[in-house]
Protein backbone atom coordinates (compact mmCIF):
# COMPACT_ATOMS: atom_id res chain seq x y z
CA MET A 1 135.16 72.42 54.26
CA ASN A 2 131.76 71.40 55.58
CA GLN A 3 131.55 74.28 58.05
CA GLU A 4 132.15 77.96 57.35
CA VAL A 5 134.96 79.41 59.42
CA SER A 6 135.68 83.12 59.35
CA TYR A 7 139.20 84.51 59.28
CA THR A 8 138.88 85.27 62.99
CA ASP A 9 138.60 81.53 63.64
CA THR A 10 141.19 80.39 61.09
CA LEU A 11 143.80 83.12 61.49
CA SER A 12 143.16 84.52 64.97
CA HIS A 13 146.56 83.47 66.28
CA LEU A 14 148.23 85.57 63.55
CA LEU A 15 146.24 88.77 64.02
CA PRO A 16 147.38 91.80 66.05
CA LYS A 17 146.25 91.67 69.69
CA GLU A 18 144.60 94.30 71.84
CA GLN A 19 146.08 95.14 75.19
CA ASP A 20 144.00 92.46 76.88
CA GLY A 21 145.42 89.80 74.49
CA ARG A 22 142.31 89.45 72.31
CA PRO A 23 142.49 89.78 68.51
CA VAL A 24 141.47 93.13 67.09
CA GLN A 25 137.77 93.02 66.24
CA ALA A 26 137.22 92.53 62.51
CA PRO A 27 134.53 94.18 60.43
CA GLU A 28 131.33 92.17 60.18
CA VAL A 29 131.35 89.80 57.24
CA ALA A 30 128.43 89.98 54.90
CA LYS A 31 126.30 86.86 54.52
CA THR A 32 127.02 86.78 50.77
CA ALA A 33 130.78 87.15 51.24
CA VAL A 34 133.11 85.16 49.02
CA LYS A 35 134.77 82.18 50.67
CA TYR A 36 138.52 82.62 50.34
CA CYS A 37 141.39 80.19 50.50
CA LEU A 38 144.69 81.72 51.59
CA TYR A 39 147.42 80.28 49.35
CA ALA A 40 151.10 80.77 50.24
CA ARG A 41 154.03 79.43 48.25
CA LYS A 42 157.79 79.50 48.68
CA SER A 43 160.20 78.42 45.98
CA SER A 44 163.85 77.46 46.38
CA GLU A 45 164.90 79.53 43.37
CA ASP A 46 167.66 82.05 44.00
CA ASP A 47 165.70 85.17 43.12
CA GLU A 48 162.92 84.19 45.53
CA ARG A 49 165.10 83.64 48.57
CA GLN A 50 164.58 87.29 49.51
CA ALA A 51 160.82 86.98 49.12
CA LEU A 52 158.60 86.67 52.15
CA SER A 53 158.68 83.25 53.75
CA ILE A 54 155.49 81.20 53.87
CA ASP A 55 154.78 82.14 57.48
CA SER A 56 155.35 85.82 56.72
CA GLN A 57 153.03 85.64 53.72
CA ILE A 58 150.28 84.07 55.84
CA LYS A 59 150.71 86.66 58.58
CA GLU A 60 150.58 89.61 56.17
CA MET A 61 147.55 88.26 54.33
CA ALA A 62 145.81 87.50 57.63
CA ILE A 63 146.08 91.18 58.53
CA GLN A 64 144.70 92.11 55.11
CA ALA A 65 141.81 89.67 55.57
CA GLN A 66 141.07 91.29 58.92
CA ASN A 67 141.16 94.82 57.55
CA GLU A 68 138.98 94.00 54.53
CA GLY A 69 136.55 91.67 56.30
CA LEU A 70 137.28 88.63 54.14
CA LEU A 71 135.88 85.19 54.89
CA VAL A 72 138.96 82.90 54.88
CA THR A 73 137.87 79.29 55.33
CA ASP A 74 141.15 77.49 54.71
CA ILE A 75 144.91 78.00 54.42
CA ARG A 76 146.99 76.11 51.84
CA LYS A 77 150.77 76.33 51.60
CA GLU A 78 153.54 74.54 49.71
CA SER A 79 157.20 74.80 48.73
CA HIS A 80 157.41 74.19 44.99
CA SER A 81 158.72 76.01 41.96
CA ALA A 82 156.02 77.54 39.76
CA LYS A 83 158.00 77.28 36.51
CA ALA A 84 156.45 74.00 35.33
CA THR A 85 152.76 73.46 34.63
CA GLY A 86 150.71 71.20 36.91
CA MET A 87 153.61 70.25 39.19
CA ARG A 88 152.25 71.74 42.44
CA PRO A 89 149.95 69.28 44.22
CA VAL A 90 148.53 71.85 46.64
CA LEU A 91 147.62 74.28 43.86
CA ASN A 92 146.16 71.45 41.78
CA GLN A 93 143.90 70.48 44.69
CA LEU A 94 142.97 74.14 45.22
CA ILE A 95 141.91 74.42 41.57
CA THR A 96 139.78 71.29 41.97
CA ASP A 97 138.16 72.69 45.12
CA VAL A 98 137.42 76.03 43.41
CA ARG A 99 135.78 74.20 40.54
CA SER A 100 133.65 72.22 43.02
CA GLY A 101 132.41 75.43 44.66
CA MET A 102 134.31 75.09 47.93
CA PHE A 103 135.99 78.49 47.38
CA GLY A 104 135.03 81.53 45.33
CA GLY A 105 138.20 83.53 45.92
CA ILE A 106 141.93 83.14 46.44
CA LEU A 107 144.02 85.29 48.75
CA SER A 108 147.74 85.35 47.98
CA TRP A 109 150.68 87.69 48.54
CA ALA A 110 151.38 88.34 44.82
CA PRO A 111 150.26 87.02 41.40
CA ASP A 112 153.59 85.22 40.92
CA ARG A 113 152.80 83.08 43.99
CA LEU A 114 150.02 81.53 41.90
CA SER A 115 151.73 81.14 38.55
CA ARG A 116 154.98 81.64 36.69
CA ASN A 117 153.95 79.54 33.70
CA ALA A 118 151.37 79.82 30.94
CA GLY A 119 149.64 76.52 31.74
CA ASP A 120 148.62 77.25 35.34
CA LEU A 121 147.80 80.84 34.43
CA GLY A 122 145.44 79.66 31.69
CA THR A 123 143.70 77.32 34.14
CA ILE A 124 143.18 80.12 36.68
CA VAL A 125 141.85 82.54 34.07
CA ASP A 126 139.56 79.78 32.76
CA LEU A 127 138.11 79.39 36.26
CA MET A 128 137.30 83.10 36.26
CA ASP A 129 135.80 82.95 32.75
CA ASN A 130 133.44 80.17 33.80
CA GLY A 131 132.37 81.89 37.03
CA TYR A 132 134.01 79.44 39.45
CA LEU A 133 136.57 81.96 40.69
CA ARG A 134 135.05 85.34 41.56
CA GLU A 135 138.08 87.14 42.96
CA ILE A 136 141.83 86.92 43.43
CA ARG A 137 143.21 89.27 46.05
CA THR A 138 146.88 90.06 46.51
CA HIS A 139 148.77 92.64 48.53
CA GLY A 140 147.28 95.88 47.20
CA GLN A 141 145.41 94.46 44.18
CA ILE A 142 142.04 92.86 43.41
CA PHE A 143 141.39 90.82 40.26
CA THR A 144 137.78 90.13 39.34
CA ASN A 145 136.12 88.50 36.35
CA SER A 146 136.41 91.62 34.22
CA PRO A 147 138.43 91.95 31.01
CA ASN A 148 140.77 94.60 32.42
CA ASP A 149 141.45 92.71 35.65
CA LYS A 150 142.11 89.44 33.86
CA PHE A 151 144.34 91.21 31.34
CA LEU A 152 146.38 92.78 34.13
CA LEU A 153 146.63 89.44 35.94
CA MET A 154 147.92 87.78 32.79
CA ILE A 155 150.47 90.57 32.25
CA LEU A 156 151.83 90.27 35.80
CA CYS A 157 152.09 86.47 35.64
CA SER A 158 153.61 86.64 32.15
CA GLN A 159 156.17 89.09 33.47
CA ALA A 160 157.07 86.53 36.15
CA LYS A 161 157.50 83.89 33.41
CA LEU A 162 159.73 86.27 31.45
CA GLU A 163 161.90 86.73 34.53
CA ASN A 164 162.19 82.95 34.85
CA ASP A 165 163.21 82.54 31.21
CA ASN A 166 165.76 85.34 31.41
CA ARG A 167 167.15 83.93 34.63
CA GLY A 168 168.00 80.64 32.90
CA ILE A 169 169.86 82.53 30.18
CA ASN A 170 171.70 84.64 32.74
CA VAL A 171 172.68 81.58 34.80
CA LYS A 172 174.15 79.85 31.75
CA ARG A 173 176.05 83.00 30.82
CA GLY A 174 177.43 83.23 34.35
CA GLN A 175 178.48 79.57 34.28
CA ARG A 176 180.35 80.07 30.99
CA THR A 177 182.10 83.09 32.45
CA LYS A 178 183.13 81.09 35.51
CA CYS A 179 184.52 78.33 33.27
CA GLU A 180 186.49 80.87 31.26
CA LEU A 181 187.99 82.09 34.54
CA GLY A 182 189.15 78.54 35.20
CA PHE A 183 186.61 77.28 37.75
CA ARG A 184 184.04 74.55 37.13
CA PRO A 185 180.59 75.74 38.35
CA ASN A 186 179.83 72.88 40.73
CA PHE A 187 181.40 70.89 43.55
CA ALA A 188 185.09 70.18 43.18
CA PRO A 189 186.01 66.46 43.21
CA LEU A 190 187.50 64.60 46.15
CA GLY A 191 190.94 66.05 46.90
CA TYR A 192 189.81 69.68 46.59
CA LEU A 193 187.86 72.03 48.81
CA ASN A 194 185.33 74.64 47.68
CA ASP A 195 185.51 78.19 49.00
CA TYR A 196 182.29 78.98 50.87
CA TYR A 197 183.34 82.28 52.45
CA SER A 198 184.52 84.63 49.70
CA GLY A 199 182.05 86.95 48.00
CA LYS A 200 180.00 85.99 44.99
CA GLY A 201 182.20 85.78 41.90
CA MET A 202 185.38 85.55 43.96
CA LYS A 203 185.14 81.99 45.25
CA LYS A 204 188.04 79.66 44.46
CA VAL A 205 189.03 76.01 44.79
CA PHE A 206 191.76 74.87 47.18
CA VAL A 207 193.78 71.67 47.41
CA ASP A 208 192.72 69.42 50.30
CA LYS A 209 196.04 68.93 52.11
CA GLU A 210 194.84 65.68 53.75
CA ARG A 211 193.26 63.92 50.78
CA ALA A 212 195.36 65.25 47.86
CA PRO A 213 198.54 63.21 48.62
CA ILE A 214 196.51 59.98 48.64
CA ILE A 215 194.79 60.95 45.39
CA LYS A 216 198.22 61.45 43.82
CA GLN A 217 199.35 58.03 45.07
CA ILE A 218 196.29 56.45 43.44
CA PHE A 219 197.43 57.78 40.06
CA GLU A 220 201.04 56.72 40.66
CA LYS A 221 200.08 53.18 41.63
CA SER A 222 198.08 52.86 38.43
CA ALA A 223 200.68 54.39 36.13
CA TYR A 224 203.97 53.15 37.63
CA GLU A 225 203.02 49.95 39.46
CA GLY A 226 200.34 48.80 37.00
CA LEU A 227 197.81 48.07 39.76
CA SER A 228 194.19 47.49 38.84
CA GLY A 229 191.36 49.63 40.17
CA ARG A 230 190.26 46.82 42.50
CA THR A 231 193.76 46.41 43.94
CA ILE A 232 194.06 50.16 44.45
CA CYS A 233 190.65 50.18 46.12
CA ASP A 234 191.79 47.47 48.57
CA TRP A 235 194.91 49.54 49.33
CA VAL A 236 192.84 52.69 49.93
CA GLN A 237 190.39 50.90 52.21
CA ASN A 238 192.98 48.98 54.24
CA GLU A 239 196.04 51.22 54.37
CA THR A 240 194.78 54.81 54.17
CA ASN A 241 192.23 56.99 55.92
CA LEU A 242 190.80 58.35 52.65
CA ARG A 243 187.04 58.69 52.84
CA THR A 244 184.40 60.64 50.95
CA ARG A 245 183.09 63.94 52.30
CA ASN A 246 180.28 61.94 53.89
CA GLY A 247 182.74 59.65 55.64
CA LYS A 248 182.08 56.61 53.41
CA VAL A 249 184.76 54.25 52.11
CA LEU A 250 185.68 54.47 48.43
CA THR A 251 184.40 51.79 46.06
CA VAL A 252 186.03 50.39 42.91
CA SER A 253 183.82 52.56 40.70
CA MET A 254 184.92 55.65 42.64
CA ILE A 255 188.58 54.73 42.09
CA TYR A 256 188.05 54.47 38.34
CA LYS A 257 186.11 57.74 38.38
CA ILE A 258 189.12 59.42 40.00
CA LEU A 259 191.57 57.86 37.52
CA ASN A 260 189.48 59.06 34.55
CA ASN A 261 188.95 62.62 35.84
CA PRO A 262 191.20 65.20 34.07
CA TYR A 263 190.27 67.77 36.74
CA TYR A 264 193.20 66.52 38.85
CA ALA A 265 195.58 67.48 36.02
CA GLY A 266 194.19 71.02 35.72
CA LEU A 267 191.64 70.46 32.95
CA PHE A 268 187.87 70.08 32.97
CA THR A 269 184.93 69.93 30.60
CA TYR A 270 181.66 71.79 30.86
CA ALA A 271 178.85 71.76 28.30
CA ASN A 272 181.06 69.65 25.98
CA LYS A 273 183.84 72.23 25.98
CA TRP A 274 187.34 71.99 27.46
CA TYR A 275 188.70 74.59 29.90
CA LYS A 276 192.02 75.07 31.67
CA GLY A 277 191.66 75.31 35.43
CA SER A 278 192.89 78.24 37.53
CA TYR A 279 193.49 76.03 40.55
CA GLU A 280 196.53 73.98 41.61
CA PRO A 281 196.68 70.58 39.86
CA ILE A 282 197.27 67.57 42.11
CA ILE A 283 199.04 65.60 39.35
CA SER A 284 200.92 66.45 36.18
CA ARG A 285 199.45 66.10 32.73
CA GLU A 286 202.10 63.47 31.95
CA LEU A 287 201.01 61.33 34.91
CA PHE A 288 197.36 61.58 33.89
CA ASP A 289 198.18 60.57 30.29
CA ALA A 290 200.24 57.62 31.56
CA VAL A 291 197.26 56.39 33.59
CA GLN A 292 194.95 56.67 30.59
CA LYS A 293 197.37 54.66 28.49
CA LYS A 294 197.55 51.95 31.16
CA MET A 295 193.77 51.70 31.26
CA GLU A 296 193.33 51.51 27.51
CA VAL A 297 191.66 48.29 26.38
CA ALA A 298 191.22 46.84 22.94
CA PRO A 299 187.85 47.59 21.34
CA LYS A 300 185.29 44.96 22.18
CA SER A 301 184.20 42.62 19.46
CA LYS A 302 180.77 43.01 18.04
CA PRO A 303 178.11 41.08 19.96
CA GLY A 304 177.96 37.47 18.87
CA THR A 305 181.43 37.27 17.26
CA ARG A 306 182.93 35.21 20.11
CA VAL A 307 180.75 32.76 21.97
CA PHE A 308 182.20 30.00 24.14
CA ASP A 309 180.76 26.50 24.30
CA PHE A 310 179.93 26.17 27.99
CA THR A 311 179.21 29.67 29.30
CA LYS A 312 175.85 30.27 31.03
CA MET A 313 175.66 26.56 31.86
CA LEU A 314 177.92 26.56 34.92
CA LYS A 315 177.96 28.37 38.26
CA CYS A 316 180.71 28.99 40.76
CA ASN A 317 180.52 26.61 43.72
CA HIS A 318 182.30 29.17 45.94
CA CYS A 319 180.07 32.22 45.58
CA GLY A 320 177.21 31.27 43.23
CA SER A 321 178.21 33.69 40.47
CA GLY A 322 178.14 32.71 36.82
CA ILE A 323 181.11 31.18 34.99
CA THR A 324 182.54 33.04 32.01
CA ALA A 325 185.42 32.31 29.63
CA GLN A 326 188.24 34.09 27.86
CA GLU A 327 190.82 33.20 25.25
CA LYS A 328 194.54 33.62 25.91
CA VAL A 329 197.20 33.67 23.16
CA LYS A 330 200.69 32.59 24.20
CA ASN A 331 203.88 33.99 22.74
CA SER A 332 204.20 30.82 20.69
CA GLY A 333 200.87 31.58 19.05
CA ALA A 334 199.05 28.76 20.83
CA ARG A 335 195.50 29.61 21.90
CA TYR A 336 193.86 28.44 25.10
CA ILE A 337 190.39 29.01 26.54
CA TYR A 338 190.04 29.42 30.29
CA TYR A 339 186.82 29.34 32.33
CA HIS A 340 186.55 31.32 35.57
CA CYS A 341 184.12 32.93 38.02
CA THR A 342 182.64 36.31 37.06
CA LYS A 343 182.92 37.39 40.74
CA ALA A 344 179.60 39.19 40.38
CA ARG A 345 178.48 38.16 43.88
CA ASP A 346 181.88 38.15 45.57
CA PRO A 347 184.66 40.34 44.13
CA LYS A 348 187.17 38.39 46.25
CA CYS A 349 186.11 34.91 45.10
CA THR A 350 189.10 32.51 44.97
CA GLN A 351 187.78 30.22 42.22
CA VAL A 352 190.71 29.18 40.00
CA TYR A 353 190.96 29.45 36.21
CA VAL A 354 190.27 26.14 34.43
CA ARG A 355 191.24 25.22 30.86
CA GLU A 356 188.46 24.20 28.50
CA GLU A 357 189.97 20.72 28.01
CA ILE A 358 189.46 19.98 31.71
CA ILE A 359 185.87 21.26 31.50
CA LYS A 360 185.22 18.88 28.58
CA ASP A 361 186.69 15.88 30.42
CA GLU A 362 184.56 16.63 33.49
CA LEU A 363 181.39 16.94 31.41
CA ILE A 364 182.12 13.73 29.49
CA GLY A 365 182.64 11.94 32.80
CA LEU A 366 179.24 13.09 34.03
CA LEU A 367 177.52 12.16 30.76
CA GLU A 368 179.07 8.67 30.81
CA GLN A 369 177.12 8.10 34.02
CA THR A 370 173.88 9.05 32.25
CA PRO A 371 171.83 6.16 30.73
CA ILE A 372 172.22 5.97 26.97
CA ASP A 373 168.44 5.89 26.49
CA ILE A 374 168.09 9.30 28.20
CA ILE A 375 170.71 10.81 25.91
CA LYS A 376 169.03 9.34 22.83
CA ALA A 377 165.62 10.62 23.90
CA GLY A 378 166.80 13.99 25.24
CA THR A 379 168.71 15.18 22.17
CA SER A 380 168.48 15.28 18.41
CA LEU A 381 171.56 13.03 18.27
CA GLY A 382 169.74 9.73 18.71
CA GLU A 383 170.38 8.54 15.16
CA LYS A 384 174.05 9.38 15.30
CA LEU A 385 174.43 7.73 18.70
CA GLU A 386 172.72 4.56 17.40
CA ILE A 387 175.27 4.35 14.57
CA PHE A 388 178.09 4.58 17.09
CA ARG A 389 176.42 1.89 19.23
CA GLN A 390 176.03 -0.55 16.32
CA PHE A 391 179.57 0.05 15.08
CA SER A 392 180.98 -0.56 18.57
CA ALA A 393 178.95 -3.76 18.91
CA LEU A 394 180.51 -5.18 15.72
CA GLN A 395 184.03 -4.47 16.96
CA SER A 396 183.56 -5.66 20.53
CA ASP A 397 183.36 -9.17 21.94
CA ASN A 398 182.17 -7.83 25.29
CA SER A 399 178.68 -7.96 26.68
CA GLU A 400 175.93 -5.78 25.26
CA SER A 401 176.06 -3.40 28.23
CA ASN A 402 179.81 -2.93 27.88
CA SER A 403 179.36 -2.38 24.14
CA ASP A 404 176.80 0.35 24.83
CA GLN A 405 179.11 2.02 27.33
CA LEU A 406 182.01 1.92 24.85
CA ALA A 407 179.78 3.38 22.16
CA LEU A 408 178.68 6.18 24.49
CA SER A 409 182.27 7.05 25.42
CA LYS A 410 183.38 7.18 21.78
CA PHE A 411 180.31 9.15 20.84
CA LEU A 412 180.83 11.77 23.60
CA GLY A 413 184.50 12.14 22.73
CA HIS A 414 183.60 12.67 19.09
CA ILE A 415 180.89 15.27 19.79
CA PHE A 416 182.98 17.27 22.26
CA LYS A 417 185.87 17.29 19.78
CA GLU A 418 184.16 17.64 16.40
CA GLY A 419 180.54 18.46 17.17
CA SER A 420 178.81 21.85 16.96
CA ARG A 421 178.20 24.07 19.95
CA LYS A 422 174.50 23.24 19.83
CA GLU A 423 175.20 19.50 19.94
CA LYS A 424 177.48 19.90 22.96
CA ARG A 425 174.97 22.00 24.84
CA ASP A 426 172.16 19.58 23.97
CA LEU A 427 174.15 16.77 25.54
CA ILE A 428 174.81 18.78 28.70
CA THR A 429 171.07 19.34 29.19
CA CYS A 430 170.73 15.57 29.71
CA ILE A 431 172.52 15.97 33.05
CA LYS A 432 169.78 16.55 35.59
CA GLY A 433 170.60 19.32 38.06
CA GLN A 434 172.60 22.55 38.20
CA LEU A 435 176.28 22.28 37.29
CA TYR A 436 178.81 23.96 39.57
CA LEU A 437 182.51 24.51 38.96
CA ASN A 438 184.43 23.60 42.12
CA GLU A 439 188.15 24.27 41.61
CA ARG A 440 188.91 21.95 38.63
CA GLN A 441 185.90 19.68 39.06
CA ILE A 442 182.26 19.92 38.03
CA ILE A 443 179.67 18.82 40.54
CA VAL A 444 175.90 18.47 40.19
CA LYS A 445 173.43 19.83 42.74
């Protein structure tokens, strides 16, 4: 502050009024008076909800400033927990301003408004040790730069820290007790309603009569009809009125979260421990187990154990997503590889599945239209291609150009049948442009 402002200027609207509406006259402030900053803090912690609100703190301390003739030049307030060190921006700025000489004293309702942790407390005491902070005044107490005052301040703030630490232990104990009584200590999932009206320790969980029947149908469609999560999601969105508590439609991930949640069968986990619920289950344990069995998948192979020849080189012409592949084994034991859209950009993409043999034929057709010189120069297969070209020339009575084309066709067929994955992919890079899978054809853009 560049200009000194007494408490009568800063806090006049909070002070008691005389009958004529003017603030009560304050004692004259001495010229050497300490400049105070009034600091008020409110935390959202449970034990502090009964503490004075910020406005009440300011009003009470304004009256104290009036009665004691204090020079209050600024008011700072914030709503932050004081458990962690250095996490309150207003207090951090206040400490900086005290160190710069802007304030010589702090006015606050109680010591625990300033600190409930050792770090901030140490900083405040250090300011007093170095002469930056001359006084801290609270409701009924004054702390100066004397050993006894600083010792008492540290005891009071340490007591507040002890209360914080004990509170965490007590909360965890209470949560374990609630679990043992059969109630998970947080919001019940969709399909249940929390009790907000019973007294503390007596609140229960009730079945949501509107949503619960649909939740049960979700499990039944998975277990008995074998529907996928995406199909069930479409059914929920199009044929039911099931919405979240915020009125939003359910997504595929939400459907799978429901199907994997044992809470609906009367069981829940908390802190890595299983508990039996004391609420009404929406589904039976047998139905839940049947759903889990339906959703079981074989363990994934280790990364790199199954790589397909043409993945990451094609895109879907319908939605622009990537093209992936998977191997199918028929009852006869025959194995086939199919390429299809990942549907990353459009979950409802209609791109068809295409066998790898068709993909190879399409790629060979595109490469046959590529000049042989480009293929020789663009890959490490130039020497092998030249052998094919010379061999074809000896066997053919056609023109040189036809001989080259025949050599290229034989060469491509050989590489795509017998060549390594690297050789195939090297050849594909000779096709200029992005390759798109359009139904059972490959087009270049």
